[in-house]
Amino acid sequence: MNPPLGFGGENVASLFTRIIEGDLPGHFVWKDPVCVAFLSIGPLKAGHTLVVPRAEVDHWLDLDPETVAHLARVSQSIGRALFRAYDPLKVGTITAGLEVPHVHFHVVPIWGPRDLDFDNADSNVSPEVLSAEAEKVRQALRELGYSEVAT
């Protein structure tokens, strides 16, 4: 699928494609040939991670079933790491895709339903805090034996 067209008809990569390609910073915790996972810059809770396919597709219904299954498996792996790192009551997932036109699964440690309310997102988290949280998630992934941990 092609990226959206911008003013003048040029292709405009999504915010997530720009992060994946290294044009914008990201706090990566997972990288494989199909997808990446990095921390949200507007987290609902510490450790809030986005699982994003490398292919720029706007709606998850447009993904092939194998990619959806892969994203679900990676989200489950990230969820296990979040359990290990944060000891939440549950780990929640949301696939909304309203804020960025590029499929992404939100994986969030939660203690109650309000923890998945985007009105509670923290838009003032420093890069230093995100870096420390990313390392906490990467460490948990390593301890669980995953080889796809981002470096």
C-alpha atoms as a PDB file:
ATOM      1  CA  MET A   1       0.000   0.000   0.000  1.00  0.00           C
ATOM      2  CA  ASN A   2       1.352   3.443  -0.862  1.00  0.00           C
ATOM      3  CA  PRO A   3       1.802   6.193   1.697  1.00  0.00           C
ATOM      4  CA  PRO A   4      -0.725   9.035   1.598  1.00  0.00           C
ATOM      5  CA  LEU A   5      -0.190  11.909  -0.783  1.00  0.00           C
ATOM      6  CA  GLY A   6       0.703  15.282   0.633  1.00  0.00           C
ATOM      7  CA  PHE A   7       0.285  18.772  -0.782  1.00  0.00           C
ATOM      8  CA  GLY A   8       1.532  18.755  -4.363  1.00  0.00           C
ATOM      9  CA  GLY A   9       0.946  14.998  -4.757  1.00  0.00           C
ATOM     10  CA  GLU A  10       4.197  13.782  -3.121  1.00  0.00           C
ATOM     11  CA  ASN A  11       4.134  10.661  -0.977  1.00  0.00           C
ATOM     12  CA  VAL A  12       4.114  11.433   2.736  1.00  0.00           C
ATOM     13  CA  ALA A  13       5.317   8.722   5.090  1.00  0.00           C
ATOM     14  CA  SER A  14       3.374   8.199   8.283  1.00  0.00           C
ATOM     15  CA  LEU A  15       4.851   9.265  11.586  1.00  0.00           C
ATOM     16  CA  PHE A  16       5.489   5.605  12.392  1.00  0.00           C
ATOM     17  CA  THR A  17       7.245   4.937   9.085  1.00  0.00           C
ATOM     18  CA  ARG A  18       9.503   7.896   9.809  1.00  0.00           C
ATOM     19  CA  ILE A  19      10.298   6.426  13.256  1.00  0.00           C
ATOM     20  CA  ILE A  20      10.907   2.954  11.786  1.00  0.00           C
ATOM     21  CA  GLU A  21      13.242   4.414   9.137  1.00  0.00           C
ATOM     22  CA  GLY A  22      15.168   6.400  11.747  1.00  0.00           C
ATOM     23  CA  ASP A  23      14.066   9.840  10.542  1.00  0.00           C
ATOM     24  CA  LEU A  24      12.459  10.487  13.941  1.00  0.00           C
ATOM     25  CA  PRO A  25      13.584   9.152  17.320  1.00  0.00           C
ATOM     26  CA  GLY A  26      11.930   6.129  18.847  1.00  0.00           C
ATOM     27  CA  HIS A  27      12.492   4.072  21.978  1.00  0.00           C
ATOM     28  CA  PHE A  28      12.515   0.619  20.371  1.00  0.00           C
ATOM     29  CA  VAL A  29      12.139  -2.579  22.373  1.00  0.00           C
ATOM     30  CA  TRP A  30      11.579  -5.115  19.540  1.00  0.00           C
ATOM     31  CA  LYS A  31      12.635  -5.416  15.905  1.00  0.00           C
ATOM     32  CA  ASP A  32      11.990  -8.222  13.438  1.00  0.00           C
ATOM     33  CA  PRO A  33      11.481  -8.387   9.659  1.00  0.00           C
ATOM     34  CA  VAL A  34       7.684  -7.900   9.921  1.00  0.00           C
ATOM     35  CA  CYS A  35       7.261  -5.369  12.721  1.00  0.00           C
ATOM     36  CA  VAL A  36       8.817  -3.226  15.402  1.00  0.00           C
ATOM     37  CA  ALA A  37       7.706  -2.195  18.884  1.00  0.00           C
ATOM     38  CA  PHE A  38       8.545   1.083  20.565  1.00  0.00           C
ATOM     39  CA  LEU A  39       7.281   3.063  23.524  1.00  0.00           C
ATOM     40  CA  SER A  40       4.437   5.532  23.085  1.00  0.00           C
ATOM     41  CA  ILE A  41       5.420   9.192  23.498  1.00  0.00           C
ATOM     42  CA  GLY A  42       1.982   9.736  25.065  1.00  0.00           C
ATOM     43  CA  PRO A  43       1.792   6.731  27.374  1.00  0.00           C
ATOM     44  CA  LEU A  44      -1.304   5.684  29.253  1.00  0.00           C
ATOM     45  CA  LYS A  45       0.951   3.960  31.784  1.00  0.00           C
ATOM     46  CA  ALA A  46       4.697   3.394  32.081  1.00  0.00           C
ATOM     47  CA  GLY A  47       5.745   0.760  29.545  1.00  0.00           C
ATOM     48  CA  HIS A  48       2.925   1.559  27.071  1.00  0.00           C
ATOM     49  CA  THR A  49       4.284  -0.011  23.885  1.00  0.00           C
ATOM     50  CA  LEU A  50       3.165   0.221  20.255  1.00  0.00           C
ATOM     51  CA  VAL A  51       3.537  -2.829  18.000  1.00  0.00           C
ATOM     52  CA  VAL A  52       3.726  -1.558  14.415  1.00  0.00           C
ATOM     53  CA  PRO A  53       4.090  -3.427  11.126  1.00  0.00           C
ATOM     54  CA  ARG A  54       6.913  -2.227   8.900  1.00  0.00           C
ATOM     55  CA  ALA A  55       4.447  -2.122   5.993  1.00  0.00           C
ATOM     56  CA  GLU A  56       2.547   1.144   6.053  1.00  0.00           C
ATOM     57  CA  VAL A  57      -1.099   0.083   6.131  1.00  0.00           C
ATOM     58  CA  ASP A  58      -3.784   2.367   7.559  1.00  0.00           C
ATOM     59  CA  HIS A  59      -6.377  -0.149   8.809  1.00  0.00           C
ATOM     60  CA  TRP A  60      -5.735  -3.515  10.440  1.00  0.00           C
ATOM     61  CA  LEU A  61      -8.552  -5.047   8.382  1.00  0.00           C
ATOM     62  CA  ASP A  62      -6.391  -4.446   5.288  1.00  0.00           C
ATOM     63  CA  LEU A  63      -3.492  -6.532   6.636  1.00  0.00           C
ATOM     64  CA  ASP A  64      -3.042 -10.089   5.461  1.00  0.00           C
ATOM     65  CA  PRO A  65      -4.010 -12.661   8.122  1.00  0.00           C
ATOM     66  CA  GLU A  66      -0.383 -13.769   8.604  1.00  0.00           C
ATOM     67  CA  THR A  67       0.677 -10.224   9.524  1.00  0.00           C
ATOM     68  CA  VAL A  68      -2.239  -9.823  11.946  1.00  0.00           C
ATOM     69  CA  ALA A  69      -1.258 -13.127  13.572  1.00  0.00           C
ATOM     70  CA  HIS A  70       2.377 -12.022  13.786  1.00  0.00           C
ATOM     71  CA  LEU A  71       1.416  -8.679  15.372  1.00  0.00           C
ATOM     72  CA  ALA A  72      -0.743 -10.555  17.886  1.00  0.00           C
ATOM     73  CA  ARG A  73       2.140 -12.911  18.769  1.00  0.00           C
ATOM     74  CA  VAL A  74       4.543  -9.987  19.206  1.00  0.00           C
ATOM     75  CA  SER A  75       1.949  -8.105  21.285  1.00  0.00           C
ATOM     76  CA  GLN A  76       1.646 -11.186  23.489  1.00  0.00           C
ATOM     77  CA  SER A  77       5.448 -11.316  23.885  1.00  0.00           C
ATOM     78  CA  ILE A  78       5.537  -7.619  24.766  1.00  0.00           C
ATOM     79  CA  GLY A  79       2.651  -8.223  27.192  1.00  0.00           C
ATOM     80  CA  ARG A  80       4.637 -10.940  28.969  1.00  0.00           C
ATOM     81  CA  ALA A  81       7.545  -8.532  29.315  1.00  0.00           C
ATOM     82  CA  LEU A  82       5.248  -5.809  30.675  1.00  0.00           C
ATOM     83  CA  PHE A  83       3.905  -8.265  33.262  1.00  0.00           C
ATOM     84  CA  ARG A  84       7.457  -9.050  34.308  1.00  0.00           C
ATOM     85  CA  ALA A  85       8.609  -5.421  34.390  1.00  0.00           C
ATOM     86  CA  TYR A  86       5.570  -3.698  35.956  1.00  0.00           C
ATOM     87  CA  ASP A  87       3.530  -6.412  37.767  1.00  0.00           C
ATOM     88  CA  PRO A  88       0.149  -5.036  36.587  1.00  0.00           C
ATOM     89  CA  LEU A  89      -3.213  -6.652  37.251  1.00  0.00           C
ATOM     90  CA  LYS A  90      -3.582  -7.230  33.478  1.00  0.00           C
ATOM     91  CA  VAL A  91      -2.023  -6.154  30.201  1.00  0.00           C
ATOM     92  CA  GLY A  92      -4.530  -4.529  27.855  1.00  0.00           C
ATOM     93  CA  THR A  93      -4.430  -4.073  24.109  1.00  0.00           C
ATOM     94  CA  ILE A  94      -6.173  -1.620  21.826  1.00  0.00           C
ATOM     95  CA  THR A  95      -6.134  -1.412  18.054  1.00  0.00           C
ATOM     96  CA  ALA A  96      -7.788   1.928  17.338  1.00  0.00           C
ATOM     97  CA  GLY A  97      -5.578   3.673  14.801  1.00  0.00           C
ATOM     98  CA  LEU A  98      -7.312   7.020  14.953  1.00  0.00           C
ATOM     99  CA  GLU A  99      -4.284   9.167  15.747  1.00  0.00           C
ATOM    100  CA  VAL A 100      -1.770   7.858  13.171  1.00  0.00           C
ATOM    101  CA  PRO A 101      -2.789   6.334   9.799  1.00  0.00           C
ATOM    102  CA  HIS A 102      -0.543   3.287  10.263  1.00  0.00           C
ATOM    103  CA  VAL A 103      -1.744   0.095  11.977  1.00  0.00           C
ATOM    104  CA  HIS A 104      -0.512  -0.231  15.537  1.00  0.00           C
ATOM    105  CA  PHE A 105      -1.427  -2.291  18.572  1.00  0.00           C
ATOM    106  CA  HIS A 106      -1.228  -0.536  21.928  1.00  0.00           C
ATOM    107  CA  VAL A 107       0.031  -2.885  24.661  1.00  0.00           C
ATOM    108  CA  VAL A 108      -0.417  -1.368  28.119  1.00  0.00           C
ATOM    109  CA  PRO A 109       0.063  -2.565  31.713  1.00  0.00           C
ATOM    110  CA  ILE A 110      -3.251  -1.897  33.459  1.00  0.00           C
ATOM    111  CA  TRP A 111      -4.778  -2.015  36.920  1.00  0.00           C
ATOM    112  CA  GLY A 112      -8.302  -0.950  35.898  1.00  0.00           C
ATOM    113  CA  PRO A 113     -10.449   0.016  32.879  1.00  0.00           C
ATOM    114  CA  ARG A 114      -9.614   3.728  33.175  1.00  0.00           C
ATOM    115  CA  ASP A 115      -5.981   2.853  32.432  1.00  0.00           C
ATOM    116  CA  LEU A 116      -7.008   2.387  28.777  1.00  0.00           C
ATOM    117  CA  ASP A 117      -8.655   5.823  28.478  1.00  0.00           C
ATOM    118  CA  PHE A 118      -6.656   7.991  26.067  1.00  0.00           C
ATOM    119  CA  ASP A 119      -7.887  11.100  27.881  1.00  0.00           C
ATOM    120  CA  ASN A 120      -5.445  10.022  30.623  1.00  0.00           C
ATOM    121  CA  ALA A 121      -2.388   9.870  28.332  1.00  0.00           C
ATOM    122  CA  ASP A 122       0.714  11.678  29.572  1.00  0.00           C
ATOM    123  CA  SER A 123       2.003  13.955  26.813  1.00  0.00           C
ATOM    124  CA  ASN A 124       4.837  15.371  28.932  1.00  0.00           C
ATOM    125  CA  VAL A 125       7.093  12.351  29.424  1.00  0.00           C
ATOM    126  CA  SER A 126      10.766  13.217  28.964  1.00  0.00           C
ATOM    127  CA  PRO A 127      12.981  11.312  26.513  1.00  0.00           C
ATOM    128  CA  GLU A 128      15.113  10.266  29.501  1.00  0.00           C
ATOM    129  CA  VAL A 129      12.138   8.639  31.226  1.00  0.00           C
ATOM    130  CA  LEU A 130      11.102   6.896  27.994  1.00  0.00           C
ATOM    131  CA  SER A 131      14.655   5.664  27.519  1.00  0.00           C
ATOM    132  CA  ALA A 132      14.716   4.195  31.029  1.00  0.00           C
ATOM    133  CA  GLU A 133      11.291   2.564  30.547  1.00  0.00           C
ATOM    134  CA  ALA A 134      12.393   1.103  27.188  1.00  0.00           C
ATOM    135  CA  GLU A 135      15.436  -0.441  28.839  1.00  0.00           C
ATOM    136  CA  LYS A 136      13.210  -1.926  31.541  1.00  0.00           C
ATOM    137  CA  VAL A 137      11.028  -3.576  28.856  1.00  0.00           C
ATOM    138  CA  ARG A 138      14.070  -4.733  26.835  1.00  0.00           C
ATOM    139  CA  GLN A 139      15.559  -6.295  29.973  1.00  0.00           C
ATOM    140  CA  ALA A 140      12.324  -8.171  30.666  1.00  0.00           C
ATOM    141  CA  LEU A 141      12.248  -9.401  27.051  1.00  0.00           C
ATOM    142  CA  ARG A 142      15.855 -10.614  27.390  1.00  0.00           C
ATOM    143  CA  GLU A 143      15.050 -12.404  30.645  1.00  0.00           C
ATOM    144  CA  LEU A 144      12.158 -14.136  28.873  1.00  0.00           C
ATOM    145  CA  GLY A 145      14.553 -15.339  26.171  1.00  0.00           C
ATOM    146  CA  TYR A 146      13.427 -13.311  23.164  1.00  0.00           C
ATOM    147  CA  SER A 147      16.096 -12.736  20.511  1.00  0.00           C
ATOM    148  CA  GLU A 148      14.244  -9.879  18.758  1.00  0.00           C
ATOM    149  CA  VAL A 149      15.071  -7.363  21.489  1.00  0.00           C
ATOM    150  CA  ALA A 150      15.997  -4.038  19.932  1.00  0.00           C
ATOM    151  CA  THR A 151      19.499  -2.789  20.637  1.00  0.00           C
END
